[in-house]
Amino acid sequence: MFSLLDMINHYLGYFNINVKLKNRIYTIVGALGTIYLLYVAIRWIQNGYWLRGIGILLVGLILAYFTVMNVFLLFYPKETTV
């Protein structure tokens, strides 16, 4: 997983793009990784490895929380009060 993220980071480093767009791409890639982690946790639980599956599920839920916060921060416009 880290080599995939490193490859994406090097690929995006070749282009001079907006930092906010780059952060949006990283958030999408992180969301895909979190979804896969939650899938793996559910499969561990279904196969009878409860303790390991619940541990992975807890980590996945924490990552999902931070992913949702990044989505709210990066994809929704901020309201300004004057």
C-alpha atoms as a PDB file:
ATOM      1  CA  MET A   1       0.000   0.000   0.000  1.00  0.00           C
ATOM      2  CA  PHE A   2       2.815   2.389   0.817  1.00  0.00           C
ATOM      3  CA  SER A   3       4.497   1.769  -2.512  1.00  0.00           C
ATOM      4  CA  LEU A   4       1.224   2.638  -4.283  1.00  0.00           C
ATOM      5  CA  LEU A   5       0.938   5.897  -2.336  1.00  0.00           C
ATOM      6  CA  ASP A   6       4.599   6.654  -2.994  1.00  0.00           C
ATOM      7  CA  MET A   7       4.088   6.018  -6.707  1.00  0.00           C
ATOM      8  CA  ILE A   8       1.094   8.394  -6.788  1.00  0.00           C
ATOM      9  CA  ASN A   9       3.080  11.008  -4.856  1.00  0.00           C
ATOM     10  CA  HIS A  10       5.985  10.842  -7.321  1.00  0.00           C
ATOM     11  CA  TYR A  11       3.618  10.931 -10.292  1.00  0.00           C
ATOM     12  CA  LEU A  12       1.810  14.009  -8.979  1.00  0.00           C
ATOM     13  CA  GLY A  13       5.152  15.634  -8.160  1.00  0.00           C
ATOM     14  CA  TYR A  14       6.009  15.838 -11.845  1.00  0.00           C
ATOM     15  CA  PHE A  15       3.146  18.219 -12.492  1.00  0.00           C
ATOM     16  CA  ASN A  16       2.691  21.660 -11.072  1.00  0.00           C
ATOM     17  CA  ILE A  17      -0.894  21.408  -9.842  1.00  0.00           C
ATOM     18  CA  ASN A  18      -2.871  23.133  -7.160  1.00  0.00           C
ATOM     19  CA  VAL A  19      -2.218  21.879  -3.635  1.00  0.00           C
ATOM     20  CA  LYS A  20      -5.941  21.604  -2.920  1.00  0.00           C
ATOM     21  CA  LEU A  21      -6.443  19.366  -5.975  1.00  0.00           C
ATOM     22  CA  LYS A  22      -3.525  17.181  -4.902  1.00  0.00           C
ATOM     23  CA  ASN A  23      -5.020  16.868  -1.407  1.00  0.00           C
ATOM     24  CA  ARG A  24      -8.361  15.883  -2.924  1.00  0.00           C
ATOM     25  CA  ILE A  25      -6.660  13.120  -4.908  1.00  0.00           C
ATOM     26  CA  TYR A  26      -4.917  11.887  -1.759  1.00  0.00           C
ATOM     27  CA  THR A  27      -8.241  11.874   0.088  1.00  0.00           C
ATOM     28  CA  ILE A  28      -9.859   9.754  -2.625  1.00  0.00           C
ATOM     29  CA  VAL A  29      -6.949   7.287  -2.593  1.00  0.00           C
ATOM     30  CA  GLY A  30      -7.102   7.158   1.208  1.00  0.00           C
ATOM     31  CA  ALA A  31     -10.848   6.506   1.080  1.00  0.00           C
ATOM     32  CA  LEU A  32     -10.284   3.569  -1.282  1.00  0.00           C
ATOM     33  CA  GLY A  33      -7.683   2.167   1.103  1.00  0.00           C
ATOM     34  CA  THR A  34     -10.020   2.578   4.063  1.00  0.00           C
ATOM     35  CA  ILE A  35     -12.857   0.825   2.229  1.00  0.00           C
ATOM     36  CA  TYR A  36     -10.530  -2.081   1.449  1.00  0.00           C
ATOM     37  CA  LEU A  37      -9.398  -2.254   5.083  1.00  0.00           C
ATOM     38  CA  LEU A  38     -13.001  -2.411   6.267  1.00  0.00           C
ATOM     39  CA  TYR A  39     -13.695  -5.174   3.725  1.00  0.00           C
ATOM     40  CA  VAL A  40     -10.729  -7.179   5.010  1.00  0.00           C
ATOM     41  CA  ALA A  41     -11.925  -6.745   8.604  1.00  0.00           C
ATOM     42  CA  ILE A  42     -15.408  -7.998   7.729  1.00  0.00           C
ATOM     43  CA  ARG A  43     -13.939 -11.016   5.942  1.00  0.00           C
ATOM     44  CA  TRP A  44     -11.783 -11.850   9.000  1.00  0.00           C
ATOM     45  CA  ILE A  45     -14.880 -11.723  11.204  1.00  0.00           C
ATOM     46  CA  GLN A  46     -16.888 -13.878   8.782  1.00  0.00           C
ATOM     47  CA  ASN A  47     -14.110 -16.473   8.720  1.00  0.00           C
ATOM     48  CA  GLY A  48     -14.201 -16.812  12.510  1.00  0.00           C
ATOM     49  CA  TYR A  49     -11.180 -14.735  13.536  1.00  0.00           C
ATOM     50  CA  TRP A  50     -13.137 -12.386  15.770  1.00  0.00           C
ATOM     51  CA  LEU A  51     -10.360 -10.714  17.741  1.00  0.00           C
ATOM     52  CA  ARG A  52      -8.179  -9.930  14.734  1.00  0.00           C
ATOM     53  CA  GLY A  53     -11.189  -8.801  12.678  1.00  0.00           C
ATOM     54  CA  ILE A  54     -12.488  -6.497  15.400  1.00  0.00           C
ATOM     55  CA  GLY A  55      -9.025  -4.961  15.836  1.00  0.00           C
ATOM     56  CA  ILE A  56      -8.732  -4.234  12.126  1.00  0.00           C
ATOM     57  CA  LEU A  57     -12.317  -2.961  12.113  1.00  0.00           C
ATOM     58  CA  LEU A  58     -11.568  -0.467  14.909  1.00  0.00           C
ATOM     59  CA  VAL A  59      -8.539   0.872  13.036  1.00  0.00           C
ATOM     60  CA  GLY A  60     -10.631   1.076   9.857  1.00  0.00           C
ATOM     61  CA  LEU A  61     -13.369   3.018  11.629  1.00  0.00           C
ATOM     62  CA  ILE A  62     -10.838   5.520  12.991  1.00  0.00           C
ATOM     63  CA  LEU A  63      -9.401   5.986   9.491  1.00  0.00           C
ATOM     64  CA  ALA A  64     -12.933   6.319   8.082  1.00  0.00           C
ATOM     65  CA  TYR A  65     -13.633   9.118  10.575  1.00  0.00           C
ATOM     66  CA  PHE A  66     -10.559  11.059   9.453  1.00  0.00           C
ATOM     67  CA  THR A  67     -11.394  10.406   5.803  1.00  0.00           C
ATOM     68  CA  VAL A  68     -14.889  11.848   6.273  1.00  0.00           C
ATOM     69  CA  MET A  69     -13.410  14.902   8.008  1.00  0.00           C
ATOM     70  CA  ASN A  70     -11.032  15.391   5.057  1.00  0.00           C
ATOM     71  CA  VAL A  71     -13.945  15.149   2.632  1.00  0.00           C
ATOM     72  CA  PHE A  72     -15.823  17.859   4.528  1.00  0.00           C
ATOM     73  CA  LEU A  73     -12.710  20.025   4.669  1.00  0.00           C
ATOM     74  CA  LEU A  74     -11.621  19.671   1.040  1.00  0.00           C
ATOM     75  CA  PHE A  75     -14.773  19.109  -1.017  1.00  0.00           C
ATOM     76  CA  TYR A  76     -17.295  21.479   0.565  1.00  0.00           C
ATOM     77  CA  PRO A  77     -16.928  25.249   0.368  1.00  0.00           C
ATOM     78  CA  LYS A  78     -16.299  27.150   3.561  1.00  0.00           C
ATOM     79  CA  GLU A  79     -18.895  29.652   4.689  1.00  0.00           C
ATOM     80  CA  THR A  80     -17.430  32.988   5.591  1.00  0.00           C
ATOM     81  CA  THR A  81     -19.040  35.466   7.923  1.00  0.00           C
ATOM     82  CA  VAL A  82     -18.346  39.133   7.551  1.00  0.00           C
END
